[in-house]
Amino acid sequence: MPEKKKTAREKLLACAKEQLLAGSYETLGVRDIVKACGFSIGAFYREFRSKEELIITVLNEDWADMLRHTDEHFSPEAPARQNLRLLFD
């Protein structure tokens, strides 16, 4: 089955995450993000109101992914040590 084509929003989120991991929030600008993605400033503002909204969305999605991973792999019946090993393996 072919992979789903990413939307502009998804691409901007991925680029922002990469840029954020490579630098810092303070030095990261909207122009840096759109340049890395190959988008225009207008395309950015069609998807997000601000850099802050974009970064909050990145953080919220990462948090949700972590919670999904935890729910899928951790067992309330398992010993704590076993569950902790899942985090580091």
Protein backbone atom coordinates (compact mmCIF):
# COMPACT_ATOMS: atom_id res chain seq x y z
CA MET A 1 0.00 0.00 0.00
CA PRO A 2 1.48 3.40 -0.94
CA GLU A 3 2.53 5.74 1.83
CA LYS A 4 0.15 8.61 2.54
CA LYS A 5 1.39 11.92 1.16
CA LYS A 6 2.20 14.38 3.93
CA THR A 7 0.18 17.56 4.14
CA ALA A 8 1.82 20.98 4.31
CA ARG A 9 0.99 21.08 8.01
CA GLU A 10 2.67 17.71 8.64
CA LYS A 11 5.75 18.79 6.68
CA LEU A 12 6.01 22.05 8.60
CA LEU A 13 5.71 20.17 11.90
CA ALA A 14 8.44 17.72 10.88
CA CYS A 15 10.76 20.51 9.70
CA ALA A 16 10.16 22.53 12.85
CA LYS A 17 10.95 19.53 15.02
CA GLU A 18 14.21 18.89 13.15
CA GLN A 19 15.19 22.56 13.35
CA LEU A 20 14.30 22.74 17.03
CA LEU A 21 16.39 19.67 17.84
CA ALA A 22 19.34 21.12 15.91
CA GLY A 23 19.22 24.53 17.60
CA SER A 24 17.14 26.38 20.12
CA TYR A 25 13.71 27.92 20.33
CA GLU A 26 15.10 31.43 20.74
CA THR A 27 17.22 31.29 17.59
CA LEU A 28 14.69 29.41 15.45
CA GLY A 29 12.69 31.65 13.17
CA VAL A 30 9.72 31.09 10.90
CA ARG A 31 11.99 31.87 7.93
CA ASP A 32 14.35 29.06 9.01
CA ILE A 33 11.48 26.59 9.19
CA VAL A 34 9.96 27.46 5.82
CA LYS A 35 13.37 27.50 4.16
CA ALA A 36 14.10 24.00 5.47
CA CYS A 37 10.71 22.82 4.14
CA GLY A 38 10.80 24.67 0.86
CA PHE A 39 7.62 26.60 1.71
CA SER A 40 6.74 30.27 1.62
CA ILE A 41 5.99 32.42 4.66
CA GLY A 42 2.37 32.58 3.45
CA ALA A 43 2.13 28.78 3.49
CA PHE A 44 3.32 28.80 7.09
CA TYR A 45 0.71 31.33 8.18
CA ARG A 46 -2.07 29.42 6.41
CA GLU A 47 -1.35 26.55 8.80
CA PHE A 48 -0.21 28.30 12.01
CA ARG A 49 -0.82 31.70 13.59
CA SER A 50 2.68 31.92 15.05
CA LYS A 51 5.93 30.13 15.76
CA GLU A 52 4.62 29.56 19.28
CA GLU A 53 1.52 27.76 18.01
CA LEU A 54 3.68 25.56 15.78
CA ILE A 55 6.08 24.62 18.58
CA ILE A 56 3.24 23.93 21.02
CA THR A 57 1.72 21.62 18.40
CA VAL A 58 5.06 19.82 17.97
CA LEU A 59 5.34 19.33 21.73
CA ASN A 60 1.72 18.20 22.09
CA GLU A 61 2.11 15.63 19.30
CA ASP A 62 5.35 14.29 20.80
CA TRP A 63 3.69 14.01 24.19
CA ALA A 64 0.70 12.19 22.69
CA ASP A 65 3.05 9.79 20.86
CA MET A 66 4.90 9.06 24.09
CA LEU A 67 1.64 8.36 25.93
CA ARG A 68 0.45 6.05 23.12
CA HIS A 69 3.76 4.19 23.25
CA THR A 70 3.48 3.86 27.02
CA ASP A 71 -0.09 2.57 26.82
CA GLU A 72 0.83 0.07 24.12
CA HIS A 73 3.90 -1.37 25.82
CA PHE A 74 3.55 -0.98 29.57
CA SER A 75 1.54 -3.40 31.63
CA PRO A 76 -0.03 -2.41 34.93
CA GLU A 77 0.38 -6.04 36.04
CA ALA A 78 4.10 -6.18 35.23
CA PRO A 79 6.75 -5.31 37.78
CA ALA A 80 7.95 -1.70 37.61
CA ARG A 81 11.47 -2.82 36.69
CA GLN A 82 10.16 -4.62 33.61
CA ASN A 83 8.20 -1.56 32.50
CA LEU A 84 11.22 0.71 33.05
CA ARG A 85 13.39 -1.56 30.90
CA LEU A 86 10.98 -0.92 28.03
CA LEU A 87 11.91 2.74 28.14
CA PHE A 88 15.59 2.03 27.57
CA ASP A 89 15.61 -1.00 25.30
